[in-house]
Amino acid sequence: VQLQASGGGLVQAGGSLRLSCAASGRTFSRYGMGWFRQAPGKEREFVAAISWSGGSTVYADSVKGRFTISRDNAKNTVYLQMNSLKPEDTAVYYCAATSKGYGYDYRTSYDYWGQGTQVTVSS
């Protein structure tokens, strides 16, 4: 599976962005998908994940209620809608795919990673 993230940019605090992650291959619907982010000088951290069917989602506490993950298996794409953005959301955002049905919030659960897209939130 090859992943291509897009949709990042510069936005003011309180604004919104929608990230997309397009996957190649015909087996996209078999993978759980996740979003992670990495700020300068920090570890890559979990943001949100969605099961292969879309029936189950999980979020980091820091984004709960502000971010929404969704997927369209017909388009081989997963989305991250980010609202009420804060300066501390500034990071490179990565999408990832996992063949496992558990451990979505662990970086090591993921088999494939996209290249990342920069999100910058100004105060």
C-alpha atoms as a PDB file:
ATOM      1  CA  VAL A   1       0.000   0.000   0.000  1.00  0.00           C
ATOM      2  CA  GLN A   2       1.318   3.421  -0.964  1.00  0.00           C
ATOM      3  CA  LEU A   3      -0.031   6.440   0.881  1.00  0.00           C
ATOM      4  CA  GLN A   4      -0.092  10.082  -0.208  1.00  0.00           C
ATOM      5  CA  ALA A   5      -1.102  12.713   2.343  1.00  0.00           C
ATOM      6  CA  SER A   6      -2.251  16.185   1.327  1.00  0.00           C
ATOM      7  CA  GLY A   7      -4.240  19.160   2.552  1.00  0.00           C
ATOM      8  CA  GLY A   8      -1.825  20.731   4.992  1.00  0.00           C
ATOM      9  CA  GLY A   9      -1.157  24.436   5.116  1.00  0.00           C
ATOM     10  CA  LEU A  10      -1.036  27.582   7.209  1.00  0.00           C
ATOM     11  CA  VAL A  11      -4.142  28.525   9.170  1.00  0.00           C
ATOM     12  CA  GLN A  12      -4.950  30.895  12.014  1.00  0.00           C
ATOM     13  CA  ALA A  13      -5.877  29.594  15.440  1.00  0.00           C
ATOM     14  CA  GLY A  14      -9.530  28.653  15.516  1.00  0.00           C
ATOM     15  CA  GLY A  15      -9.545  27.757  11.849  1.00  0.00           C
ATOM     16  CA  SER A  16     -10.066  24.453  10.083  1.00  0.00           C
ATOM     17  CA  LEU A  17      -8.244  22.178   7.668  1.00  0.00           C
ATOM     18  CA  ARG A  18      -9.093  18.841   6.096  1.00  0.00           C
ATOM     19  CA  LEU A  19      -6.291  16.410   5.433  1.00  0.00           C
ATOM     20  CA  SER A  20      -6.630  13.625   2.893  1.00  0.00           C
ATOM     21  CA  CYS A  21      -4.657  10.442   2.479  1.00  0.00           C
ATOM     22  CA  ALA A  22      -5.009   8.619  -0.821  1.00  0.00           C
ATOM     23  CA  ALA A  23      -4.012   4.967  -0.917  1.00  0.00           C
ATOM     24  CA  SER A  24      -3.000   2.865  -3.882  1.00  0.00           C
ATOM     25  CA  GLY A  25      -3.923  -0.761  -4.266  1.00  0.00           C
ATOM     26  CA  ARG A  26      -7.181  -2.638  -4.216  1.00  0.00           C
ATOM     27  CA  THR A  27      -6.935  -3.815  -0.614  1.00  0.00           C
ATOM     28  CA  PHE A  28      -7.402  -0.436   1.077  1.00  0.00           C
ATOM     29  CA  SER A  29     -10.648  -1.557   2.682  1.00  0.00           C
ATOM     30  CA  ARG A  30      -8.780  -4.288   4.582  1.00  0.00           C
ATOM     31  CA  TYR A  31      -6.595  -1.825   6.481  1.00  0.00           C
ATOM     32  CA  GLY A  32      -7.183   0.204   9.567  1.00  0.00           C
ATOM     33  CA  MET A  33      -5.957   3.748   9.007  1.00  0.00           C
ATOM     34  CA  GLY A  34      -4.374   6.202  11.362  1.00  0.00           C
ATOM     35  CA  TRP A  35      -3.084   9.744  11.549  1.00  0.00           C
ATOM     36  CA  PHE A  36       0.001  10.661  13.535  1.00  0.00           C
ATOM     37  CA  ARG A  37       1.859  13.930  13.908  1.00  0.00           C
ATOM     38  CA  GLN A  38       5.352  15.039  14.748  1.00  0.00           C
ATOM     39  CA  ALA A  39       6.331  18.493  15.938  1.00  0.00           C
ATOM     40  CA  PRO A  40       9.952  19.676  15.783  1.00  0.00           C
ATOM     41  CA  GLY A  41      12.025  18.078  18.515  1.00  0.00           C
ATOM     42  CA  LYS A  42       9.198  15.800  19.622  1.00  0.00           C
ATOM     43  CA  GLU A  43       8.264  12.170  19.187  1.00  0.00           C
ATOM     44  CA  ARG A  44       5.714  11.170  16.580  1.00  0.00           C
ATOM     45  CA  GLU A  45       2.376  10.914  18.379  1.00  0.00           C
ATOM     46  CA  PHE A  46      -0.953   9.316  17.699  1.00  0.00           C
ATOM     47  CA  VAL A  47      -3.814  11.569  16.593  1.00  0.00           C
ATOM     48  CA  ALA A  48      -6.711   9.425  15.360  1.00  0.00           C
ATOM     49  CA  ALA A  49      -7.517   6.069  13.777  1.00  0.00           C
ATOM     50  CA  ILE A  50     -10.388   4.331  12.046  1.00  0.00           C
ATOM     51  CA  SER A  51     -11.130   0.663  11.534  1.00  0.00           C
ATOM     52  CA  TRP A  52     -11.251  -0.951   8.091  1.00  0.00           C
ATOM     53  CA  SER A  53     -15.052  -0.637   7.953  1.00  0.00           C
ATOM     54  CA  GLY A  54     -15.196   2.831   9.426  1.00  0.00           C
ATOM     55  CA  GLY A  55     -17.320   1.528  12.239  1.00  0.00           C
ATOM     56  CA  SER A  56     -14.808   2.241  14.967  1.00  0.00           C
ATOM     57  CA  THR A  57     -12.731   5.342  15.636  1.00  0.00           C
ATOM     58  CA  VAL A  58     -10.300   6.368  18.343  1.00  0.00           C
ATOM     59  CA  TYR A  59      -8.776   9.740  19.144  1.00  0.00           C
ATOM     60  CA  ALA A  60      -6.008  11.182  21.227  1.00  0.00           C
ATOM     61  CA  ASP A  61      -7.368  13.141  24.176  1.00  0.00           C
ATOM     62  CA  SER A  62      -5.723  16.298  22.851  1.00  0.00           C
ATOM     63  CA  VAL A  63      -7.875  16.318  19.699  1.00  0.00           C
ATOM     64  CA  LYS A  64     -11.094  14.721  20.909  1.00  0.00           C
ATOM     65  CA  GLY A  65     -14.096  16.853  20.029  1.00  0.00           C
ATOM     66  CA  ARG A  66     -12.104  18.931  17.517  1.00  0.00           C
ATOM     67  CA  PHE A  67     -10.853  16.398  14.948  1.00  0.00           C
ATOM     68  CA  THR A  68     -12.863  13.826  13.016  1.00  0.00           C
ATOM     69  CA  ILE A  69     -11.444  10.905  11.081  1.00  0.00           C
ATOM     70  CA  SER A  70     -13.430   9.301   8.277  1.00  0.00           C
ATOM     71  CA  ARG A  71     -12.828   7.128   5.243  1.00  0.00           C
ATOM     72  CA  ASP A  72     -14.286   6.465   1.827  1.00  0.00           C
ATOM     73  CA  ASN A  73     -13.328   2.957   0.758  1.00  0.00           C
ATOM     74  CA  ALA A  74     -14.724   3.534  -2.734  1.00  0.00           C
ATOM     75  CA  LYS A  75     -12.188   6.333  -3.179  1.00  0.00           C
ATOM     76  CA  ASN A  76      -9.355   4.639  -1.251  1.00  0.00           C
ATOM     77  CA  THR A  77      -9.089   7.746   0.884  1.00  0.00           C
ATOM     78  CA  VAL A  78      -9.045   8.584   4.578  1.00  0.00           C
ATOM     79  CA  TYR A  79      -9.706  12.090   5.876  1.00  0.00           C
ATOM     80  CA  LEU A  80      -8.904  14.085   8.974  1.00  0.00           C
ATOM     81  CA  GLN A  81     -11.185  17.067   9.529  1.00  0.00           C
ATOM     82  CA  MET A  82      -9.482  19.422  11.957  1.00  0.00           C
ATOM     83  CA  ASN A  83     -11.543  22.193  13.554  1.00  0.00           C
ATOM     84  CA  SER A  84     -10.772  24.733  16.269  1.00  0.00           C
ATOM     85  CA  LEU A  85      -7.086  24.432  15.499  1.00  0.00           C
ATOM     86  CA  LYS A  86      -4.560  25.548  18.094  1.00  0.00           C
ATOM     87  CA  PRO A  87      -0.901  26.548  17.732  1.00  0.00           C
ATOM     88  CA  GLU A  88       0.042  23.325  19.527  1.00  0.00           C
ATOM     89  CA  ASP A  89      -1.472  21.356  16.632  1.00  0.00           C
ATOM     90  CA  THR A  90       1.410  22.560  14.462  1.00  0.00           C
ATOM     91  CA  ALA A  91       3.260  19.505  13.167  1.00  0.00           C
ATOM     92  CA  VAL A  92       3.892  17.292  10.194  1.00  0.00           C
ATOM     93  CA  TYR A  93       0.915  14.970   9.885  1.00  0.00           C
ATOM     94  CA  TYR A  94       1.386  11.418   8.645  1.00  0.00           C
ATOM     95  CA  CYS A  95      -1.168   8.855   7.578  1.00  0.00           C
ATOM     96  CA  ALA A  96      -0.511   5.173   8.107  1.00  0.00           C
ATOM     97  CA  ALA A  97      -2.107   1.812   7.360  1.00  0.00           C
ATOM     98  CA  THR A  98      -2.278  -1.255   9.570  1.00  0.00           C
ATOM     99  CA  SER A  99      -3.350  -4.801   8.851  1.00  0.00           C
ATOM    100  CA  LYS A 100      -3.949  -5.380  12.551  1.00  0.00           C
ATOM    101  CA  GLY A 101      -7.366  -5.109  14.110  1.00  0.00           C
ATOM    102  CA  TYR A 102      -6.085  -3.655  17.383  1.00  0.00           C
ATOM    103  CA  GLY A 103      -3.517  -1.285  18.793  1.00  0.00           C
ATOM    104  CA  TYR A 104      -4.484   1.541  16.513  1.00  0.00           C
ATOM    105  CA  ASP A 105      -2.918   4.112  18.827  1.00  0.00           C
ATOM    106  CA  TYR A 106       0.518   2.488  18.721  1.00  0.00           C
ATOM    107  CA  ARG A 107       2.967   3.649  16.080  1.00  0.00           C
ATOM    108  CA  THR A 108       4.476   0.170  15.893  1.00  0.00           C
ATOM    109  CA  SER A 109       1.138  -1.331  14.813  1.00  0.00           C
ATOM    110  CA  TYR A 110       1.360   0.285  11.392  1.00  0.00           C
ATOM    111  CA  ASP A 111       2.804  -1.362   8.292  1.00  0.00           C
ATOM    112  CA  TYR A 112       2.805   1.524   5.816  1.00  0.00           C
ATOM    113  CA  TRP A 113       3.385   5.269   6.139  1.00  0.00           C
ATOM    114  CA  GLY A 114       2.764   8.259   3.911  1.00  0.00           C
ATOM    115  CA  GLN A 115       5.238  11.080   3.403  1.00  0.00           C
ATOM    116  CA  GLY A 116       3.621  13.667   5.695  1.00  0.00           C
ATOM    117  CA  THR A 117       1.976  17.044   5.194  1.00  0.00           C
ATOM    118  CA  GLN A 118       2.837  20.189   7.153  1.00  0.00           C
ATOM    119  CA  VAL A 119       0.175  21.878   9.272  1.00  0.00           C
ATOM    120  CA  THR A 120       1.044  25.243  10.773  1.00  0.00           C
ATOM    121  CA  VAL A 121      -1.340  27.064  13.093  1.00  0.00           C
ATOM    122  CA  SER A 122      -0.541  30.694  13.834  1.00  0.00           C
ATOM    123  CA  SER A 123      -1.658  32.426  17.013  1.00  0.00           C
END
